[in-house]
N, C-alpha and C. Protein backbone atom coordinates (compact mmCIF):
# COMPACT_ATOMS: atom_id res chain seq x y z
N MET A 1 45.56 14.28 -7.46
CA MET A 1 45.29 14.57 -8.86
C MET A 1 44.75 15.99 -8.95
N PRO A 2 45.29 16.81 -9.82
CA PRO A 2 44.92 18.21 -9.88
C PRO A 2 43.59 18.50 -10.58
N VAL A 3 42.83 17.51 -11.05
CA VAL A 3 41.51 17.79 -11.60
C VAL A 3 40.69 18.39 -10.47
N SER A 4 40.03 19.51 -10.75
CA SER A 4 39.25 20.13 -9.68
C SER A 4 37.85 20.45 -10.17
N VAL A 5 36.92 20.41 -9.24
CA VAL A 5 35.54 20.77 -9.51
C VAL A 5 35.20 21.92 -8.59
N THR A 6 34.78 23.03 -9.18
CA THR A 6 34.37 24.20 -8.41
C THR A 6 32.86 24.30 -8.51
N ARG A 7 32.22 24.31 -7.36
CA ARG A 7 30.76 24.32 -7.33
C ARG A 7 30.27 25.67 -6.83
N SER A 8 29.26 26.18 -7.50
CA SER A 8 28.62 27.42 -7.10
C SER A 8 27.12 27.22 -7.25
N GLY A 9 26.46 26.95 -6.14
CA GLY A 9 25.02 26.67 -6.20
C GLY A 9 24.76 25.40 -6.97
N THR A 10 24.01 25.51 -8.08
CA THR A 10 23.71 24.32 -8.88
C THR A 10 24.59 24.24 -10.12
N THR A 11 25.65 25.03 -10.17
CA THR A 11 26.58 25.03 -11.30
C THR A 11 27.93 24.50 -10.83
N ALA A 12 28.55 23.69 -11.68
CA ALA A 12 29.88 23.17 -11.37
C ALA A 12 30.80 23.37 -12.57
N THR A 13 32.04 23.69 -12.30
CA THR A 13 33.05 23.86 -13.34
C THR A 13 34.17 22.86 -13.08
N ILE A 14 34.50 22.09 -14.12
CA ILE A 14 35.58 21.09 -14.02
C ILE A 14 36.81 21.69 -14.68
N THR A 15 37.94 21.65 -13.98
CA THR A 15 39.18 22.21 -14.51
C THR A 15 40.27 21.16 -14.43
N TRP A 16 41.02 21.01 -15.52
CA TRP A 16 42.17 20.12 -15.51
C TRP A 16 43.14 20.54 -16.61
N ASP A 17 44.36 20.06 -16.49
CA ASP A 17 45.39 20.30 -17.49
C ASP A 17 45.40 19.08 -18.41
N ALA A 18 45.06 19.29 -19.68
CA ALA A 18 44.92 18.18 -20.62
C ALA A 18 46.20 17.35 -20.73
N GLU A 19 47.36 17.99 -20.70
CA GLU A 19 48.63 17.27 -20.83
C GLU A 19 48.96 16.46 -19.58
N ALA A 20 48.87 17.09 -18.43
CA ALA A 20 49.29 16.45 -17.18
C ALA A 20 48.23 15.53 -16.58
N ASP A 21 46.97 15.95 -16.64
CA ASP A 21 45.91 15.23 -15.93
C ASP A 21 45.15 14.23 -16.78
N ASP A 22 45.20 14.37 -18.09
CA ASP A 22 44.42 13.52 -18.98
C ASP A 22 45.24 13.13 -20.22
N PRO A 23 46.43 12.56 -20.03
CA PRO A 23 47.29 12.28 -21.18
C PRO A 23 46.69 11.28 -22.16
N HIS A 24 45.78 10.43 -21.70
CA HIS A 24 45.17 9.43 -22.59
C HIS A 24 43.82 9.90 -23.12
N ARG A 25 43.43 11.14 -22.80
CA ARG A 25 42.21 11.79 -23.27
C ARG A 25 40.93 11.09 -22.82
N HIS A 26 40.94 10.41 -21.69
CA HIS A 26 39.72 9.76 -21.20
C HIS A 26 38.67 10.81 -20.83
N LEU A 27 39.08 11.84 -20.10
CA LEU A 27 38.13 12.88 -19.69
C LEU A 27 37.61 13.66 -20.90
N ALA A 28 38.51 14.01 -21.80
CA ALA A 28 38.11 14.75 -22.99
C ALA A 28 37.12 13.95 -23.83
N ALA A 29 37.37 12.66 -23.99
CA ALA A 29 36.48 11.82 -24.79
C ALA A 29 35.11 11.72 -24.13
N LEU A 30 35.09 11.63 -22.82
CA LEU A 30 33.82 11.58 -22.08
C LEU A 30 33.02 12.85 -22.31
N LEU A 31 33.68 13.99 -22.28
CA LEU A 31 33.01 15.27 -22.51
C LEU A 31 32.60 15.42 -23.97
N ASP A 32 33.49 15.09 -24.90
CA ASP A 32 33.21 15.25 -26.32
C ASP A 32 32.00 14.44 -26.77
N ALA A 33 31.84 13.25 -26.21
CA ALA A 33 30.73 12.37 -26.60
C ALA A 33 29.44 12.70 -25.87
N GLY A 34 29.51 13.59 -24.88
CA GLY A 34 28.32 13.89 -24.08
C GLY A 34 28.04 12.83 -23.04
N ASP A 35 29.01 11.94 -22.84
CA ASP A 35 28.81 10.83 -21.90
C ASP A 35 28.93 11.24 -20.44
N LEU A 36 29.62 12.34 -20.16
CA LEU A 36 29.71 12.78 -18.77
C LEU A 36 28.33 13.15 -18.26
N GLU A 37 27.56 13.84 -19.09
CA GLU A 37 26.20 14.20 -18.70
C GLU A 37 25.37 12.95 -18.43
N ALA A 38 25.51 11.95 -19.33
CA ALA A 38 24.76 10.70 -19.17
C ALA A 38 25.18 9.97 -17.90
N LEU A 39 26.47 9.96 -17.64
CA LEU A 39 26.97 9.30 -16.44
C LEU A 39 26.42 9.96 -15.18
N LEU A 40 26.41 11.28 -15.17
CA LEU A 40 25.87 12.01 -14.03
C LEU A 40 24.37 11.76 -13.89
N ALA A 41 23.67 11.64 -15.02
CA ALA A 41 22.23 11.33 -14.98
C ALA A 41 21.99 9.96 -14.37
N VAL A 42 22.85 8.99 -14.70
CA VAL A 42 22.73 7.64 -14.11
C VAL A 42 22.93 7.72 -12.60
N LEU A 43 23.95 8.46 -12.16
CA LEU A 43 24.20 8.59 -10.72
C LEU A 43 23.04 9.27 -10.01
N ALA A 44 22.36 10.18 -10.70
CA ALA A 44 21.26 10.92 -10.08
C ALA A 44 19.95 10.13 -10.01
N LEU A 45 19.86 9.01 -10.74
CA LEU A 45 18.65 8.20 -10.71
C LEU A 45 18.39 7.69 -9.29
N GLY A 46 17.14 7.58 -8.93
CA GLY A 46 16.79 6.98 -7.65
C GLY A 46 16.86 5.47 -7.76
N GLU A 47 16.35 4.79 -6.75
CA GLU A 47 16.29 3.33 -6.79
C GLU A 47 15.42 2.88 -7.96
N TYR A 48 15.36 1.61 -8.22
CA TYR A 48 14.74 1.07 -9.43
C TYR A 48 13.36 1.67 -9.71
N ASP A 49 12.43 1.57 -8.77
CA ASP A 49 11.05 2.00 -9.01
C ASP A 49 10.93 3.49 -9.31
N GLU A 50 11.77 4.30 -8.68
CA GLU A 50 11.69 5.74 -8.92
C GLU A 50 12.78 6.25 -9.84
N GLY A 51 13.61 5.34 -10.35
CA GLY A 51 14.72 5.73 -11.20
C GLY A 51 14.67 5.05 -12.54
N ALA A 52 15.38 3.93 -12.65
CA ALA A 52 15.54 3.23 -13.93
C ALA A 52 14.20 2.83 -14.55
N ALA A 53 13.25 2.43 -13.75
CA ALA A 53 11.95 1.99 -14.28
C ALA A 53 11.15 3.14 -14.87
N THR A 54 11.45 4.36 -14.49
CA THR A 54 10.70 5.52 -14.99
C THR A 54 11.32 6.15 -16.23
N VAL A 55 12.51 5.72 -16.59
CA VAL A 55 13.21 6.29 -17.75
C VAL A 55 12.70 5.63 -19.03
N GLU A 56 12.46 6.42 -20.05
CA GLU A 56 11.98 5.92 -21.34
C GLU A 56 13.00 4.94 -21.93
N GLU A 57 12.55 3.95 -22.65
CA GLU A 57 13.39 2.85 -23.14
C GLU A 57 14.61 3.33 -23.93
N PHE A 58 14.41 4.23 -24.90
CA PHE A 58 15.52 4.74 -25.69
C PHE A 58 16.55 5.42 -24.79
N GLU A 59 16.08 6.18 -23.81
CA GLU A 59 16.99 6.88 -22.89
C GLU A 59 17.76 5.89 -22.03
N ARG A 60 17.10 4.81 -21.60
CA ARG A 60 17.79 3.77 -20.81
C ARG A 60 18.97 3.20 -21.60
N VAL A 61 18.74 2.90 -22.87
CA VAL A 61 19.80 2.33 -23.72
C VAL A 61 20.93 3.34 -23.87
N ARG A 62 20.60 4.60 -24.10
CA ARG A 62 21.62 5.64 -24.23
C ARG A 62 22.44 5.76 -22.95
N LEU A 63 21.77 5.74 -21.80
CA LEU A 63 22.48 5.83 -20.52
C LEU A 63 23.38 4.62 -20.29
N LEU A 64 22.87 3.44 -20.64
CA LEU A 64 23.69 2.23 -20.50
C LEU A 64 24.92 2.31 -21.39
N ARG A 65 24.73 2.75 -22.63
CA ARG A 65 25.84 2.84 -23.58
C ARG A 65 26.91 3.82 -23.09
N ALA A 66 26.46 4.91 -22.47
CA ALA A 66 27.41 5.91 -21.97
C ALA A 66 28.10 5.47 -20.69
N ALA A 67 27.35 4.84 -19.79
CA ALA A 67 27.88 4.53 -18.45
C ALA A 67 28.69 3.23 -18.40
N SER A 68 28.36 2.26 -19.22
CA SER A 68 29.03 0.95 -19.12
C SER A 68 30.54 1.01 -19.32
N PRO A 69 31.06 1.69 -20.35
CA PRO A 69 32.53 1.75 -20.49
C PRO A 69 33.21 2.47 -19.32
N VAL A 70 32.55 3.48 -18.79
CA VAL A 70 33.12 4.21 -17.65
C VAL A 70 33.15 3.31 -16.43
N THR A 71 32.07 2.56 -16.22
CA THR A 71 32.02 1.63 -15.09
C THR A 71 33.13 0.59 -15.20
N ALA A 72 33.34 0.05 -16.40
CA ALA A 72 34.40 -0.94 -16.60
C ALA A 72 35.78 -0.32 -16.33
N ALA A 73 35.99 0.91 -16.82
CA ALA A 73 37.28 1.58 -16.60
C ALA A 73 37.50 1.86 -15.12
N LEU A 74 36.45 2.31 -14.43
CA LEU A 74 36.58 2.58 -12.99
C LEU A 74 36.87 1.30 -12.21
N THR A 75 36.24 0.21 -12.60
CA THR A 75 36.51 -1.08 -11.94
C THR A 75 37.97 -1.46 -12.10
N ARG A 76 38.52 -1.30 -13.31
CA ARG A 76 39.94 -1.61 -13.52
C ARG A 76 40.83 -0.70 -12.67
N ARG A 77 40.52 0.59 -12.62
CA ARG A 77 41.34 1.54 -11.85
C ARG A 77 41.26 1.24 -10.36
N ILE A 78 40.08 0.88 -9.86
CA ILE A 78 39.92 0.54 -8.44
C ILE A 78 40.75 -0.69 -8.11
N ARG A 79 40.75 -1.67 -9.00
CA ARG A 79 41.57 -2.86 -8.77
C ARG A 79 43.05 -2.51 -8.76
N ASP A 80 43.48 -1.66 -9.71
CA ASP A 80 44.89 -1.21 -9.72
C ASP A 80 45.24 -0.49 -8.43
N LEU A 81 44.35 0.39 -7.97
CA LEU A 81 44.60 1.12 -6.73
C LEU A 81 44.67 0.18 -5.53
N ALA A 82 43.81 -0.85 -5.52
CA ALA A 82 43.82 -1.82 -4.41
C ALA A 82 45.15 -2.57 -4.37
N VAL A 83 45.66 -2.98 -5.53
CA VAL A 83 46.95 -3.68 -5.58
C VAL A 83 48.07 -2.74 -5.12
N ALA A 84 48.06 -1.52 -5.63
CA ALA A 84 49.11 -0.56 -5.24
C ALA A 84 49.04 -0.25 -3.75
N ALA A 85 47.84 -0.09 -3.22
CA ALA A 85 47.69 0.21 -1.79
C ALA A 85 48.20 -0.96 -0.94
N ARG A 86 47.77 -2.14 -1.27
CA ARG A 86 48.17 -3.32 -0.49
C ARG A 86 49.68 -3.55 -0.58
N ASP A 87 50.24 -3.39 -1.79
CA ASP A 87 51.67 -3.60 -1.96
C ASP A 87 52.50 -2.53 -1.27
N SER A 88 51.90 -1.39 -0.97
CA SER A 88 52.64 -0.35 -0.24
C SER A 88 52.49 -0.52 1.27
N GLY A 89 51.78 -1.58 1.69
CA GLY A 89 51.70 -1.88 3.11
C GLY A 89 50.37 -1.56 3.77
N VAL A 90 49.37 -1.13 3.02
CA VAL A 90 48.05 -0.84 3.59
C VAL A 90 47.45 -2.16 4.09
N SER A 91 46.92 -2.16 5.29
CA SER A 91 46.36 -3.39 5.87
C SER A 91 45.05 -3.76 5.17
N TRP A 92 44.66 -5.04 5.34
CA TRP A 92 43.40 -5.51 4.75
C TRP A 92 42.22 -4.73 5.31
N SER A 93 42.23 -4.44 6.59
CA SER A 93 41.08 -3.73 7.17
C SER A 93 40.98 -2.30 6.67
N ILE A 94 42.11 -1.61 6.50
CA ILE A 94 42.06 -0.24 5.97
C ILE A 94 41.63 -0.27 4.50
N LEU A 95 42.13 -1.24 3.74
CA LEU A 95 41.71 -1.38 2.35
C LEU A 95 40.21 -1.67 2.27
N ALA A 96 39.73 -2.55 3.14
CA ALA A 96 38.29 -2.87 3.17
C ALA A 96 37.47 -1.63 3.49
N SER A 97 37.93 -0.86 4.45
CA SER A 97 37.23 0.37 4.81
C SER A 97 37.19 1.35 3.64
N ALA A 98 38.29 1.46 2.92
CA ALA A 98 38.33 2.37 1.77
C ALA A 98 37.40 1.90 0.66
N LEU A 99 37.29 0.60 0.47
CA LEU A 99 36.47 0.06 -0.62
C LEU A 99 34.98 0.00 -0.27
N THR A 100 34.66 -0.31 0.99
CA THR A 100 33.26 -0.57 1.35
C THR A 100 32.72 0.30 2.47
N GLY A 101 33.61 1.00 3.17
CA GLY A 101 33.18 1.75 4.34
C GLY A 101 33.09 0.89 5.59
N ASP A 102 33.46 -0.38 5.47
CA ASP A 102 33.38 -1.32 6.60
C ASP A 102 34.69 -2.09 6.69
N SER A 103 35.47 -1.84 7.75
CA SER A 103 36.78 -2.48 7.89
C SER A 103 36.68 -3.99 8.09
N ALA A 104 35.50 -4.50 8.43
CA ALA A 104 35.34 -5.94 8.62
C ALA A 104 35.18 -6.68 7.29
N GLN A 105 35.01 -5.97 6.20
CA GLN A 105 34.80 -6.58 4.89
C GLN A 105 36.13 -6.92 4.21
N ARG A 106 37.01 -7.57 4.96
CA ARG A 106 38.33 -7.88 4.42
C ARG A 106 38.27 -8.86 3.25
N SER A 107 37.26 -9.73 3.20
CA SER A 107 37.15 -10.66 2.07
C SER A 107 36.88 -9.89 0.78
N THR A 108 36.13 -8.80 0.85
CA THR A 108 35.91 -7.96 -0.33
C THR A 108 37.22 -7.32 -0.76
N ALA A 109 38.01 -6.85 0.20
CA ALA A 109 39.30 -6.26 -0.12
C ALA A 109 40.21 -7.29 -0.78
N ARG A 110 40.23 -8.50 -0.25
CA ARG A 110 41.07 -9.56 -0.82
C ARG A 110 40.60 -9.92 -2.23
N SER A 111 39.29 -9.97 -2.45
CA SER A 111 38.75 -10.28 -3.77
C SER A 111 39.11 -9.19 -4.78
N THR A 112 39.01 -7.94 -4.37
CA THR A 112 39.35 -6.82 -5.26
C THR A 112 40.84 -6.86 -5.59
N TYR A 113 41.66 -7.13 -4.57
CA TYR A 113 43.11 -7.24 -4.77
C TYR A 113 43.42 -8.38 -5.74
N ALA A 114 42.81 -9.55 -5.52
CA ALA A 114 43.06 -10.71 -6.37
C ALA A 114 42.63 -10.42 -7.81
N ALA A 115 41.51 -9.73 -7.98
CA ALA A 115 41.06 -9.37 -9.34
C ALA A 115 42.05 -8.41 -9.98
N GLY A 116 42.62 -7.51 -9.19
CA GLY A 116 43.64 -6.60 -9.71
C GLY A 116 44.88 -7.34 -10.15
N LEU A 117 45.27 -8.35 -9.38
CA LEU A 117 46.43 -9.16 -9.77
C LEU A 117 46.16 -9.89 -11.08
N ARG A 118 44.94 -10.43 -11.21
CA ARG A 118 44.60 -11.17 -12.43
C ARG A 118 44.58 -10.25 -13.65
N GLN A 119 44.10 -9.02 -13.48
CA GLN A 119 44.01 -8.12 -14.64
C GLN A 119 45.37 -7.54 -14.99
N GLY A 120 46.29 -7.45 -14.04
CA GLY A 120 47.61 -6.90 -14.31
C GLY A 120 47.56 -5.39 -14.46
N ALA A 121 48.68 -4.75 -14.23
CA ALA A 121 48.76 -3.29 -14.32
C ALA A 121 49.07 -2.91 -15.75
N GLY A 122 48.15 -2.24 -16.40
CA GLY A 122 48.36 -1.81 -17.77
C GLY A 122 48.66 -2.97 -18.71
N GLY A 123 48.13 -4.13 -18.39
CA GLY A 123 48.36 -5.30 -19.23
C GLY A 123 49.58 -6.10 -18.81
N ALA A 124 50.39 -5.58 -17.89
CA ALA A 124 51.58 -6.31 -17.44
C ALA A 124 51.17 -7.36 -16.42
N ALA A 125 51.87 -8.46 -16.42
CA ALA A 125 51.58 -9.53 -15.48
C ALA A 125 52.25 -9.24 -14.13
N PHE A 126 51.53 -9.50 -13.07
CA PHE A 126 52.08 -9.34 -11.73
C PHE A 126 52.82 -10.61 -11.33
N THR A 127 53.84 -10.44 -10.53
CA THR A 127 54.60 -11.56 -9.98
C THR A 127 54.68 -11.36 -8.48
N THR A 128 54.58 -12.45 -7.73
CA THR A 128 54.76 -12.38 -6.28
C THR A 128 56.22 -12.71 -5.98
N TYR A 129 56.86 -11.82 -5.24
CA TYR A 129 58.26 -11.98 -4.87
C TYR A 129 58.35 -12.25 -3.38
N SER A 130 59.11 -13.28 -3.01
CA SER A 130 59.47 -13.47 -1.61
C SER A 130 60.69 -12.60 -1.39
N CYS A 131 60.57 -11.66 -0.47
CA CYS A 131 61.63 -10.68 -0.27
C CYS A 131 62.30 -10.89 1.08
N ALA A 132 63.59 -10.73 1.09
CA ALA A 132 64.36 -10.74 2.33
C ALA A 132 65.26 -9.51 2.30
N ALA A 133 65.21 -8.73 3.36
CA ALA A 133 66.05 -7.53 3.44
C ALA A 133 66.89 -7.63 4.70
N ASP A 134 68.20 -7.54 4.53
CA ASP A 134 69.10 -7.50 5.67
C ASP A 134 69.13 -6.06 6.16
N VAL A 135 68.70 -5.87 7.38
CA VAL A 135 68.69 -4.54 7.98
C VAL A 135 69.47 -4.60 9.27
N GLY A 136 69.99 -3.49 9.69
CA GLY A 136 70.74 -3.48 10.93
C GLY A 136 71.10 -2.09 11.36
N ASP A 137 71.44 -2.02 12.61
CA ASP A 137 71.91 -0.76 13.18
C ASP A 137 72.91 -1.09 14.27
N ASP A 138 73.19 -0.17 15.15
CA ASP A 138 74.16 -0.41 16.22
C ASP A 138 73.73 -1.51 17.17
N ASP A 139 72.42 -1.79 17.23
CA ASP A 139 71.90 -2.80 18.15
C ASP A 139 71.98 -4.22 17.59
N GLY A 140 72.31 -4.35 16.32
CA GLY A 140 72.42 -5.69 15.74
C GLY A 140 71.79 -5.76 14.36
N ASP A 141 71.88 -6.97 13.81
CA ASP A 141 71.35 -7.21 12.47
C ASP A 141 70.12 -8.08 12.55
N MET A 142 69.27 -7.94 11.54
CA MET A 142 68.12 -8.82 11.43
C MET A 142 67.73 -8.91 9.96
N THR A 143 66.89 -9.88 9.64
CA THR A 143 66.39 -10.05 8.28
C THR A 143 64.88 -9.84 8.30
N PHE A 144 64.41 -8.97 7.45
CA PHE A 144 63.00 -8.65 7.31
C PHE A 144 62.47 -9.44 6.12
N HIS A 145 61.40 -10.21 6.32
CA HIS A 145 60.81 -11.02 5.25
C HIS A 145 59.43 -10.50 4.91
N ALA A 146 59.09 -10.47 3.64
CA ALA A 146 57.76 -10.07 3.20
C ALA A 146 57.50 -10.61 1.81
N ASP A 147 56.24 -10.84 1.50
CA ASP A 147 55.84 -11.16 0.13
C ASP A 147 55.33 -9.87 -0.49
N VAL A 148 55.79 -9.58 -1.70
CA VAL A 148 55.38 -8.38 -2.41
C VAL A 148 54.95 -8.80 -3.81
N THR A 149 53.78 -8.35 -4.21
CA THR A 149 53.28 -8.62 -5.55
C THR A 149 53.44 -7.34 -6.35
N ALA A 150 54.13 -7.43 -7.48
CA ALA A 150 54.42 -6.24 -8.27
C ALA A 150 54.62 -6.62 -9.73
N VAL A 151 54.67 -5.60 -10.60
CA VAL A 151 54.82 -5.84 -12.03
C VAL A 151 56.27 -6.06 -12.44
N SER A 152 57.21 -5.73 -11.57
CA SER A 152 58.63 -5.89 -11.92
C SER A 152 59.46 -6.01 -10.65
N PRO A 153 60.69 -6.49 -10.77
CA PRO A 153 61.56 -6.52 -9.59
C PRO A 153 61.80 -5.12 -9.04
N ASP A 154 61.92 -4.12 -9.90
CA ASP A 154 62.12 -2.74 -9.41
C ASP A 154 60.93 -2.27 -8.59
N ALA A 155 59.71 -2.58 -9.06
CA ALA A 155 58.51 -2.19 -8.32
C ALA A 155 58.44 -2.93 -6.99
N ALA A 156 58.85 -4.20 -6.97
CA ALA A 156 58.86 -4.97 -5.72
C ALA A 156 59.88 -4.40 -4.75
N ARG A 157 61.06 -4.04 -5.25
CA ARG A 157 62.11 -3.45 -4.42
C ARG A 157 61.63 -2.13 -3.82
N THR A 158 60.97 -1.32 -4.64
CA THR A 158 60.45 -0.03 -4.17
C THR A 158 59.40 -0.23 -3.08
N ALA A 159 58.49 -1.18 -3.29
CA ALA A 159 57.46 -1.45 -2.29
C ALA A 159 58.07 -1.95 -0.99
N LEU A 160 59.07 -2.83 -1.09
CA LEU A 160 59.73 -3.35 0.11
C LEU A 160 60.48 -2.23 0.83
N THR A 161 61.18 -1.39 0.08
CA THR A 161 61.91 -0.27 0.69
C THR A 161 60.95 0.66 1.42
N ARG A 162 59.77 0.89 0.84
CA ARG A 162 58.76 1.74 1.48
C ARG A 162 58.26 1.10 2.78
N ARG A 163 58.02 -0.20 2.75
CA ARG A 163 57.58 -0.89 3.97
C ARG A 163 58.63 -0.78 5.07
N LEU A 164 59.90 -0.93 4.68
CA LEU A 164 60.98 -0.82 5.66
C LEU A 164 61.05 0.60 6.22
N ALA A 165 60.96 1.59 5.34
CA ALA A 165 61.03 3.00 5.78
C ALA A 165 59.89 3.32 6.74
N ASP A 166 58.71 2.74 6.51
CA ASP A 166 57.57 2.96 7.41
C ASP A 166 57.87 2.44 8.81
N ARG A 167 58.80 1.50 8.90
CA ARG A 167 59.18 0.93 10.20
C ARG A 167 60.49 1.53 10.71
N GLY A 168 60.99 2.53 10.00
CA GLY A 168 62.24 3.17 10.41
C GLY A 168 63.47 2.35 10.10
N LEU A 169 63.37 1.46 9.12
CA LEU A 169 64.48 0.57 8.78
C LEU A 169 65.03 0.89 7.39
N THR A 170 66.30 0.60 7.19
CA THR A 170 66.95 0.75 5.89
C THR A 170 67.66 -0.55 5.56
N ALA A 171 67.47 -1.02 4.34
CA ALA A 171 68.07 -2.29 3.94
C ALA A 171 69.52 -2.10 3.52
N ARG A 172 70.35 -3.06 3.94
CA ARG A 172 71.73 -3.12 3.44
C ARG A 172 71.82 -4.04 2.24
N ARG A 173 70.93 -5.04 2.20
CA ARG A 173 70.91 -6.00 1.10
C ARG A 173 69.46 -6.48 0.93
N ILE A 174 69.03 -6.56 -0.32
CA ILE A 174 67.69 -7.05 -0.62
C ILE A 174 67.81 -8.24 -1.56
N THR A 175 67.09 -9.30 -1.24
CA THR A 175 67.02 -10.47 -2.11
C THR A 175 65.56 -10.68 -2.48
N LEU A 176 65.28 -10.73 -3.77
CA LEU A 176 63.94 -10.98 -4.27
C LEU A 176 63.92 -12.33 -4.96
N THR A 177 62.99 -13.18 -4.61
CA THR A 177 62.83 -14.46 -5.27
C THR A 177 61.46 -14.46 -5.92
N ALA A 178 61.44 -14.46 -7.25
CA ALA A 178 60.18 -14.48 -7.99
C ALA A 178 59.59 -15.87 -7.89
N ARG A 179 58.36 -15.93 -7.41
CA ARG A 179 57.69 -17.22 -7.29
C ARG A 179 56.73 -17.40 -8.45
N GLY A 180 56.61 -18.59 -8.90
CA GLY A 180 55.68 -18.88 -9.98
C GLY A 180 56.08 -20.15 -10.68
N GLY A 181 55.13 -21.06 -10.75
CA GLY A 181 55.41 -22.32 -11.43
C GLY A 181 56.55 -23.07 -10.78
N ILE A 182 57.29 -23.78 -11.56
CA ILE A 182 58.41 -24.59 -11.07
C ILE A 182 59.67 -23.75 -10.95
N GLN A 183 59.85 -22.82 -11.86
CA GLN A 183 61.07 -22.02 -11.91
C GLN A 183 60.99 -20.85 -10.94
N GLN A 184 62.07 -20.61 -10.21
CA GLN A 184 62.18 -19.45 -9.34
C GLN A 184 63.42 -18.67 -9.73
N THR A 185 63.29 -17.37 -9.73
CA THR A 185 64.40 -16.51 -10.10
C THR A 185 64.77 -15.67 -8.89
N GLU A 186 66.06 -15.62 -8.56
CA GLU A 186 66.50 -14.84 -7.40
C GLU A 186 67.35 -13.68 -7.87
N ILE A 187 67.08 -12.52 -7.30
CA ILE A 187 67.83 -11.29 -7.59
C ILE A 187 68.32 -10.74 -6.27
N SER A 188 69.63 -10.54 -6.15
CA SER A 188 70.18 -9.97 -4.94
C SER A 188 70.89 -8.67 -5.27
N GLU A 189 70.83 -7.74 -4.33
CA GLU A 189 71.46 -6.43 -4.54
C GLU A 189 72.01 -5.93 -3.20
N ASP A 190 73.30 -5.62 -3.20
CA ASP A 190 73.92 -5.01 -2.02
C ASP A 190 73.69 -3.50 -2.08
N LEU A 191 73.19 -2.93 -1.00
CA LEU A 191 72.89 -1.51 -0.97
C LEU A 191 73.86 -0.74 -0.09
N SER A 192 74.76 -1.45 0.58
CA SER A 192 75.65 -0.76 1.50
C SER A 192 76.84 -0.16 0.81
C-alpha cells in the first residue's frame, strides 16, 4: 500500500493518493474529524493505572468515541486478511505468527479465520469449495485435491491456481464443488 509516513524527529508526515489509496475516504474522514489524533493518543496511553485511569472523564469518552469505530474496522480488515492469507496457502502456524507473534497460537489463527468467514468479504457470503485439479507432465498425471473457501467460484479457482503454481504445477482441468447444506453445485473447466 503506497500510504507512507515520513518521520523526522518528533514530527511525522502522512502521504497518500486520495484516489488510489483511500477510495472510500476512510483516512480522510479520520483526519477531518480529528479522530486520528485521538486514536494515536489512545495508543500512547500506558497501562490502566498510568493511562486510562489518569485521563479525565470527558476525554475518556471522546477517545472511546474516536477509537471504537476504527478498532471495529481494523478487526474486520484483519479477519479479511486472515481469510485471504489462508486461502492463498499460508499455513496455520505462519498465520498465527503474523497475528500474535507466536506460531504455536494456531487456535487464535483458526478463530480469526472462522470469524472472517462468518463476516464475509464486503458483505458477500463465503463458500467452501472442494477442488480437484488434474495436473500432469511428462512423468504422468495426478489429481490435486484441496478445500478452498472463497466469495465466488472465480476466487476459488484463482486461489487453487496459486496453490498449484507454488508447487510448480499447472492444472489441465479444475472441478469445484460448492459445499453447503444439502445442495452441492459442481463447476468443471477444461484448461488445456
